[in-house]
Protein backbone atom coordinates (compact mmCIF):
# COMPACT_ATOMS: atom_id res chain seq x y z
CA MET A 1 26.15 -13.89 26.29
CA GLU A 2 27.26 -14.89 23.12
CA PHE A 3 25.05 -14.81 20.23
CA PRO A 4 24.82 -17.19 17.59
CA ILE A 5 26.50 -15.99 14.22
CA LEU A 6 23.22 -16.20 12.36
CA LEU A 7 21.81 -13.80 15.18
CA VAL A 8 24.78 -11.88 14.93
CA VAL A 9 24.31 -11.53 11.25
CA ILE A 10 20.52 -10.86 11.41
CA ILE A 11 21.66 -7.79 13.97
CA ALA A 12 23.93 -6.43 11.78
CA LEU A 13 21.99 -6.68 8.36
CA ALA A 14 18.79 -5.13 10.63
CA LEU A 15 21.21 -1.87 11.13
CA ILE A 16 22.52 -1.80 7.76
CA PHE A 17 18.47 -1.76 7.02
CA ASP A 18 18.03 0.85 9.13
CA TYR A 19 20.94 2.99 7.71
CA ILE A 20 19.72 2.60 4.64
CA ASN A 21 16.30 3.48 5.88
CA GLY A 22 17.64 6.72 6.66
CA PHE A 23 19.40 7.91 3.34
CA HIS A 24 16.51 6.43 1.63
CA ASP A 25 13.89 8.46 3.60
CA ALA A 26 15.80 11.23 4.24
CA ALA A 27 13.91 13.10 1.40
CA ASN A 28 10.56 12.89 3.46
CA SER A 29 11.98 15.07 6.06
CA ILE A 30 14.15 17.42 4.12
CA ALA A 31 12.45 17.51 0.82
CA THR A 32 10.65 20.75 0.99
CA ILE A 33 13.15 22.57 3.24
CA VAL A 34 15.73 22.32 0.65
CA SER A 35 13.30 22.87 -1.96
CA THR A 36 12.23 26.17 -0.31
CA LYS A 37 16.02 27.35 0.18
CA VAL A 38 15.33 27.55 4.26
CA LEU A 39 18.79 25.01 4.65
CA THR A 40 21.34 23.75 2.23
CA PRO A 41 20.93 19.88 1.91
CA PHE A 42 24.15 19.48 3.91
CA GLN A 43 22.56 21.70 6.74
CA ALA A 44 19.23 19.68 6.30
CA VAL A 45 20.17 16.39 6.67
CA LEU A 46 22.25 17.22 10.09
CA TRP A 47 19.00 18.80 11.40
CA ALA A 48 16.84 15.76 10.31
CA ALA A 49 19.15 13.44 11.84
CA LEU A 50 19.50 15.44 14.90
CA TRP A 51 15.65 14.98 15.51
CA ASN A 52 15.73 11.35 14.11
CA PHE A 53 17.85 10.51 17.02
CA ALA A 54 16.16 12.90 19.43
CA ALA A 55 13.09 10.56 18.77
CA PHE A 56 15.01 7.65 21.09
CA PHE A 57 14.67 10.13 24.23
CA ILE A 58 10.95 10.62 23.48
CA ALA A 59 10.08 6.92 23.17
CA ALA A 60 12.39 5.74 25.71
CA TYR A 61 11.96 8.25 28.91
CA ILE A 62 8.68 10.52 27.54
CA ILE A 63 6.30 7.76 25.97
CA GLY A 64 8.00 4.78 28.09
CA GLU A 65 7.46 2.37 25.59
CA PHE A 66 7.97 1.20 22.03
CA LYS A 67 4.61 0.18 20.43
CA ILE A 68 5.68 0.22 16.70
CA GLY A 69 8.53 -2.25 17.43
CA ASN A 70 5.95 -4.47 19.41
CA THR A 71 3.73 -4.26 16.59
CA ILE A 72 6.41 -5.20 14.02
CA ALA A 73 7.71 -8.36 15.98
CA LYS A 74 3.89 -9.47 16.27
CA THR A 75 2.92 -9.50 12.96
CA VAL A 76 4.08 -13.28 12.25
CA ASN A 77 2.51 -15.96 14.39
CA GLU A 78 5.71 -16.92 16.83
CA ASN A 79 5.15 -20.47 15.98
CA PHE A 80 6.59 -19.29 12.73
CA ILE A 81 9.41 -17.32 13.59
CA THR A 82 13.07 -18.69 12.91
CA LEU A 83 16.35 -16.79 12.63
CA GLU A 84 16.46 -17.96 8.95
CA VAL A 85 13.17 -16.54 8.60
CA ILE A 86 14.29 -13.13 9.60
CA PHE A 87 17.29 -13.52 7.72
CA SER A 88 15.36 -13.90 4.68
CA GLY A 89 13.09 -11.32 5.24
CA LEU A 90 15.96 -8.64 5.86
CA ILE A 91 17.69 -9.63 2.46
CA ALA A 92 14.45 -8.97 0.64
CA ALA A 93 13.92 -5.66 2.58
CA ILE A 94 17.47 -4.11 1.77
CA ALA A 95 17.30 -5.51 -1.82
CA TRP A 96 14.01 -3.39 -2.79
CA ASN A 97 14.97 -0.62 -0.63
CA LEU A 98 18.57 -0.29 -2.53
CA LEU A 99 16.58 -0.68 -5.99
CA THR A 100 13.91 1.57 -5.33
CA TRP A 101 16.56 4.28 -4.13
CA TRP A 102 18.56 3.52 -7.47
CA PHE A 103 15.84 4.81 -9.64
CA GLY A 104 14.76 7.50 -7.10
CA ILE A 105 11.48 5.93 -6.44
CA PRO A 106 10.13 6.97 -2.84
CA SER A 107 8.62 3.53 -1.82
CA SER A 108 8.13 2.68 1.70
CA SER A 109 11.05 1.09 4.16
CA SER A 110 8.08 0.30 6.27
CA HIS A 111 6.39 -1.94 4.05
CA THR A 112 9.36 -3.21 2.68
CA LEU A 113 10.39 -4.93 5.78
CA ILE A 114 7.07 -6.16 6.82
CA GLY A 115 6.39 -7.60 3.60
CA GLY A 116 9.52 -9.44 3.55
CA PHE A 117 8.70 -10.65 7.38
CA LEU A 118 5.54 -12.28 6.41
CA GLY A 119 6.69 -13.62 2.93
CA ALA A 120 9.64 -15.62 4.50
CA ALA A 121 7.24 -16.44 7.18
CA LEU A 122 4.40 -17.70 5.00
CA MET A 123 7.37 -19.84 2.91
CA HIS A 124 8.45 -21.67 6.21
CA ALA A 125 5.33 -22.63 6.70
CA PHE A 126 4.44 -23.91 3.27
CA MET A 127 7.70 -26.20 3.44
CA MET A 128 7.19 -27.41 7.15
CA ASP A 129 3.68 -28.21 5.43
CA TYR A 130 4.91 -29.84 2.49
CA HIS A 131 7.39 -32.55 4.06
CA ASP A 132 4.52 -33.27 6.47
CA VAL A 133 1.76 -33.85 3.86
CA ALA A 134 4.64 -35.92 1.76
CA ALA A 135 5.54 -37.62 4.61
CA ALA A 136 1.76 -38.68 5.78
CA GLN A 137 0.85 -39.17 2.14
CA PRO A 138 3.54 -40.76 -0.02
CA GLU A 139 1.21 -41.45 -2.52
CA LEU A 140 0.12 -38.04 -3.70
CA GLY A 141 1.75 -36.53 -6.51
CA MET A 142 3.89 -33.31 -6.54
CA TRP A 143 1.37 -30.63 -7.38
CA ASP A 144 -1.64 -32.70 -5.18
CA THR A 145 1.10 -32.37 -2.19
CA ILE A 146 1.72 -28.54 -2.85
CA LYS A 147 -1.84 -28.20 -3.20
CA GLU A 148 -2.71 -29.71 0.47
CA ALA A 149 0.48 -27.88 1.87
CA PHE A 150 -0.99 -24.55 0.53
CA ASN A 151 -4.26 -25.38 2.00
CA GLN A 152 -2.85 -26.02 5.35
CA VAL A 153 -1.06 -23.01 5.50
CA THR A 154 -4.50 -20.60 4.73
CA HIS A 155 -5.53 -22.24 7.99
CA GLN A 156 -2.60 -21.87 10.46
CA GLY A 157 -2.92 -18.39 11.17
CA VAL A 158 0.47 -17.93 10.13
CA VAL A 159 -0.01 -14.11 9.63
CA LYS A 160 -1.53 -12.23 12.61
CA PHE A 161 -4.07 -9.98 10.78
CA ASP A 162 -5.25 -8.19 13.68
CA LYS A 163 -1.78 -6.41 13.37
CA VAL A 164 -1.26 -6.63 9.65
CA ILE A 165 -4.88 -5.25 8.75
CA PRO A 166 -4.14 -1.81 9.88
CA ILE A 167 -1.04 -1.78 8.40
CA PHE A 168 -2.46 -2.85 5.05
CA LEU A 169 -5.20 -0.14 5.56
CA PHE A 170 -2.92 2.79 6.45
CA ILE A 171 -1.12 2.16 3.18
CA PHE A 172 -4.06 4.71 1.93
CA MET A 173 -4.99 6.19 5.33
CA ALA A 174 -1.81 8.01 6.12
CA PRO A 175 -1.37 9.86 2.81
CA ILE A 176 -5.18 10.79 2.94
CA ILE A 177 -4.87 11.94 6.73
CA GLY A 178 -1.98 13.79 5.64
CA MET A 179 -3.42 15.63 2.68
CA VAL A 180 -6.59 16.34 4.62
CA ILE A 181 -4.72 17.64 7.81
CA SER A 182 -2.49 19.62 5.19
CA ILE A 183 -5.37 21.27 3.52
CA ILE A 184 -6.85 22.59 6.46
CA ILE A 185 -3.83 24.00 8.20
CA THR A 186 -2.79 25.73 4.68
CA LEU A 187 -6.52 27.31 4.07
CA ILE A 188 -6.17 28.42 8.00
CA ILE A 189 -2.60 29.91 7.46
CA VAL A 190 -3.88 31.63 4.31
CA HIS A 191 -7.13 33.01 5.83
CA LEU A 192 -4.41 34.21 9.15
CA TYR A 193 -2.27 35.58 6.98
CA LYS A 194 -3.91 37.23 4.10
CA LYS A 195 -3.92 41.05 4.99
CA SER A 196 0.06 40.54 5.91
CA ASN A 197 3.20 41.77 4.09
CA PRO A 198 4.01 38.93 1.96
CA HIS A 199 7.64 39.20 2.16
CA LYS A 200 7.54 39.47 6.05
CA ALA A 201 5.41 36.30 5.97
CA ASP A 202 7.77 34.46 3.77
CA LYS A 203 10.47 35.12 6.00
CA SER A 204 8.28 33.96 9.23
CA PHE A 205 7.28 30.70 7.24
CA LYS A 206 10.81 29.70 6.76
CA ARG A 207 12.07 30.32 10.15
CA LEU A 208 8.58 27.73 11.19
CA GLN A 209 9.60 25.34 8.67
CA LEU A 210 12.59 24.70 10.97
CA VAL A 211 10.01 23.64 13.50
CA SER A 212 7.89 21.66 11.29
CA SER A 213 10.68 19.63 9.80
CA ALA A 214 12.07 19.15 13.38
CA LEU A 215 8.77 17.84 14.25
CA PHE A 216 8.44 15.78 11.10
CA SER A 217 11.99 14.22 11.53
CA LEU A 218 11.10 13.43 15.40
CA GLY A 219 7.88 11.46 13.90
CA HIS A 220 10.15 9.48 11.36
CA GLY A 221 12.79 8.41 14.28
CA LEU A 222 9.77 7.42 16.22
CA ASN A 223 8.17 5.54 13.45
CA ASP A 224 11.26 3.91 11.55
CA ALA A 225 13.68 3.39 13.99
CA GLN A 226 11.23 1.10 15.79
CA LYS A 227 10.37 -1.14 12.94
CA VAL A 228 14.11 -2.42 12.70
CA MET A 229 13.98 -2.87 16.72
CA GLY A 230 10.71 -4.97 15.93
CA ILE A 231 12.61 -7.15 13.70
CA ILE A 232 15.70 -7.60 16.10
CA GLY A 233 13.25 -7.88 18.90
CA ALA A 234 11.43 -10.70 17.23
CA ALA A 235 15.10 -12.31 16.40
CA VAL A 236 16.54 -12.22 20.21
CA ILE A 237 13.21 -13.64 21.75
CA TYR A 238 13.30 -16.62 19.25
CA TYR A 239 16.90 -17.02 20.45
CA HIS A 240 15.67 -16.85 24.15
CA VAL A 241 12.78 -18.76 23.77
CA ASN A 242 13.39 -21.63 21.21
CA MET A 243 17.24 -21.87 21.29
CA LEU A 244 17.89 -21.20 25.18
CA GLN A 245 14.65 -22.01 26.57
CA ASP A 246 15.24 -18.99 28.77
CA ALA A 247 13.18 -19.43 31.98
CA GLN A 248 12.75 -15.95 32.65
CA TYR A 249 11.30 -15.48 28.98
CA LEU A 250 9.50 -18.64 28.94
CA ASN A 251 6.98 -17.38 32.17
CA ILE A 252 6.25 -14.46 30.67
CA PRO A 253 2.96 -14.28 28.55
CA SER A 254 3.59 -13.91 24.72
CA ALA A 255 2.62 -10.74 24.85
CA GLY A 256 4.61 -9.20 27.31
CA ARG A 257 8.08 -10.71 25.70
CA PHE A 258 9.10 -7.72 23.85
CA ASP A 259 8.48 -5.37 26.69
CA TYR A 260 10.95 -7.25 28.60
CA PHE A 261 12.96 -7.46 25.82
CA ALA A 262 13.14 -3.79 25.29
CA GLN A 263 13.83 -2.88 29.02
CA HIS A 264 16.88 -5.83 29.15
CA TYR A 265 18.49 -4.75 25.70
CA ILE A 266 18.20 -1.02 25.95
CA TRP A 267 21.37 -0.94 23.54
CA VAL A 268 18.94 -2.28 20.79
CA PRO A 269 16.81 0.73 20.41
CA LEU A 270 19.65 3.38 21.31
CA VAL A 271 21.82 1.87 17.94
CA SER A 272 18.55 1.66 16.14
CA PHE A 273 17.80 5.52 16.28
CA ILE A 274 21.56 6.10 15.91
CA ALA A 275 21.65 3.96 12.39
CA ILE A 276 18.86 5.83 11.33
CA ALA A 277 19.99 9.23 12.03
CA LEU A 278 23.42 8.26 10.54
CA GLY A 279 21.67 7.12 7.45
CA THR A 280 19.47 10.40 7.13
CA MET A 281 23.18 12.23 7.21
CA SER A 282 24.22 10.73 4.02
CA GLY A 283 20.92 11.91 2.32
CA GLY A 284 19.05 10.72 -0.71
CA TRP A 285 19.70 13.45 -3.60
CA LYS A 286 17.50 11.36 -6.22
CA ILE A 287 14.12 10.75 -4.19
CA ILE A 288 14.69 14.77 -2.36
CA LYS A 289 14.43 15.59 -6.13
CA THR A 290 11.01 13.88 -6.29
CA MET A 291 9.64 14.40 -3.19
CA GLY A 292 10.48 18.49 -3.29
CA THR A 293 9.72 19.35 -6.90
CA LYS A 294 8.22 17.02 -9.14
CA ILE A 295 4.72 16.20 -7.12
CA THR A 296 4.26 20.12 -6.72
CA LYS A 297 6.06 23.13 -6.32
CA VAL A 298 6.21 23.57 -2.69
CA THR A 299 6.46 27.65 -1.23
CA SER A 300 7.81 27.75 2.63
CA LEU A 301 4.17 28.30 3.74
CA GLU A 302 2.99 25.24 2.19
CA GLY A 303 6.29 23.46 3.29
CA VAL A 304 4.84 24.29 6.90
CA SER A 305 1.90 23.20 6.36
CA ALA A 306 3.30 19.69 4.42
CA GLU A 307 5.57 18.76 7.36
CA THR A 308 3.20 19.85 10.24
CA ALA A 309 0.64 17.78 8.44
CA GLY A 310 2.85 14.94 8.15
CA ALA A 311 4.00 15.16 12.09
CA ILE A 312 0.59 15.27 13.07
CA THR A 313 -0.01 12.00 11.44
CA LEU A 314 2.93 10.25 12.42
CA PHE A 315 2.46 11.01 15.90
CA ILE A 316 -1.45 9.70 15.82
CA THR A 317 -0.43 6.55 14.46
CA ASP A 318 2.71 6.41 16.98
CA HIS A 319 0.01 6.50 19.58
CA PHE A 320 -1.88 3.61 18.66
CA GLY A 321 1.26 1.61 17.63
CA ILE A 322 0.46 1.64 13.83
CA PRO A 323 3.72 1.29 11.64
CA VAL A 324 2.80 3.64 8.48
CA SER A 325 5.10 4.83 5.67
CA THR A 326 6.70 8.25 6.25
CA THR A 327 6.85 8.62 2.50
CA HIS A 328 3.23 7.94 2.00
CA THR A 329 2.37 10.62 4.78
CA ILE A 330 4.46 13.42 3.65
CA THR A 331 3.59 12.65 -0.07
CA GLY A 332 -0.24 13.06 0.95
CA SER A 333 0.68 16.26 2.56
CA ILE A 334 2.31 17.65 -0.23
CA ILE A 335 -0.69 16.66 -2.73
CA GLY A 336 -3.04 18.25 -0.07
CA VAL A 337 -1.25 21.63 -0.32
CA GLY A 338 -1.03 21.63 -4.17
CA LEU A 339 -4.61 20.91 -3.93
CA THR A 340 -5.13 24.14 -2.37
CA LYS A 341 -3.99 25.93 -5.32
CA ARG A 342 -5.91 23.57 -7.62
CA VAL A 343 -6.02 20.30 -8.72
CA SER A 344 -3.53 20.84 -12.02
CA ALA A 345 -0.99 21.78 -9.47
CA VAL A 346 -0.30 18.49 -8.32
CA ARG A 347 1.56 16.38 -11.25
CA TRP A 348 -0.81 13.09 -11.19
CA GLY A 349 1.84 11.34 -13.81
CA ILE A 350 4.25 11.19 -10.65
CA THR A 351 1.71 10.65 -8.27
CA VAL A 352 0.23 7.77 -10.07
CA SER A 353 3.88 5.95 -10.26
CA LEU A 354 4.37 6.51 -6.86
CA LEU A 355 1.16 4.55 -5.90
CA TRP A 356 2.18 1.49 -7.73
CA ALA A 357 5.56 1.59 -6.02
CA TRP A 358 3.63 1.53 -2.81
CA VAL A 359 1.00 -1.00 -3.89
CA LEU A 360 3.48 -3.19 -5.05
CA THR A 361 6.32 -3.03 -2.51
CA ILE A 362 4.82 -5.58 -0.08
CA PRO A 363 3.92 -8.45 -2.50
CA ILE A 364 7.39 -7.82 -4.22
CA SER A 365 9.30 -8.14 -0.89
CA ALA A 366 7.34 -10.88 0.26
CA ILE A 367 8.13 -12.95 -3.45
CA VAL A 368 11.79 -11.89 -2.95
CA ALA A 369 11.73 -12.85 0.79
CA ALA A 370 10.33 -16.09 0.10
CA ILE A 371 12.54 -16.92 -2.90
CA THR A 372 15.50 -15.83 -0.60
CA TYR A 373 14.29 -18.13 2.13
CA LEU A 374 14.41 -21.08 -0.09
CA LEU A 375 17.74 -20.44 -1.32
CA VAL A 376 18.79 -20.33 2.52
CA THR A 377 17.15 -23.71 3.26
CA PHE A 378 18.56 -25.42 0.39
CA ILE A 379 21.94 -23.86 1.19
CA SER A 380 22.25 -24.90 4.86
């Protein structure tokens, strides 16, 4: 089957985004294990990449489905999905990811992708409504036409809020859950090991960090690789339904099309997990420094607590099919272990800066995607 050029470009861009996501988020998986000197940076990225890729087999053959990919593909009403919309969303997501990587800001690749997808879809709906209003009511001035078109967009259900609202809520819930779990784990460990020889205990925790970082990397792969798979899935499903008028897809209810796609395009999840693993191997040293030392100093005990808490949070959200930010999750977990020492152990100035980056990610990505969509439609 020969794909149209734009679909091929979208798949290529999605995998590039996946790769960027890997090195952008490498810090999430390896920051604590590097800062505690359990592994060298090179060893750590190889270790994380291995478990990023292993997540494919967990999702495909143990869990048996790709819930998060399905959620991403359905954040936008399928009536407002086009290849141009997906292309514009990816361009915005890549631009924001590279910008935050350059400045060493641990922003969320997940929310960048979602914001880009939503912004481009909303602009697509607005442009269609603007042309319809202008044709139906030529007597209206430009601003009145814009106002009427905007009013129509708000009543068309472009955004699937049953999918998007949990994603927005977990911008705040994921780090809070990670923080609470890490506090509990840290207090339990401290209680259990309070009479142990400090040197022997530290050696044990450094070995345990290999396990905890592997678990977190597994969660990272399960969570983040599926998001790109969801975007590619939305594009391929659009191609089959709207361009080919493929009876096999048309005869399947909308809710079941993504699962059908995942079964028949198994190479898509496979290459998505490979791309993120390769990206992780490339590392992201500026962000590693922020995550591993600037938020709070982390010992091997605290590294185990933070990574285990982050992994548990990611496994829970994957079970419910809620895409979350691994950056937010591990940041909350690291803050949690800092709070077990004292409130002042957390460098709140850095934390507030991260929070602003998190809050601004979706709207900025949406605006950039909307502008990109306008440029794409103008050029085409």
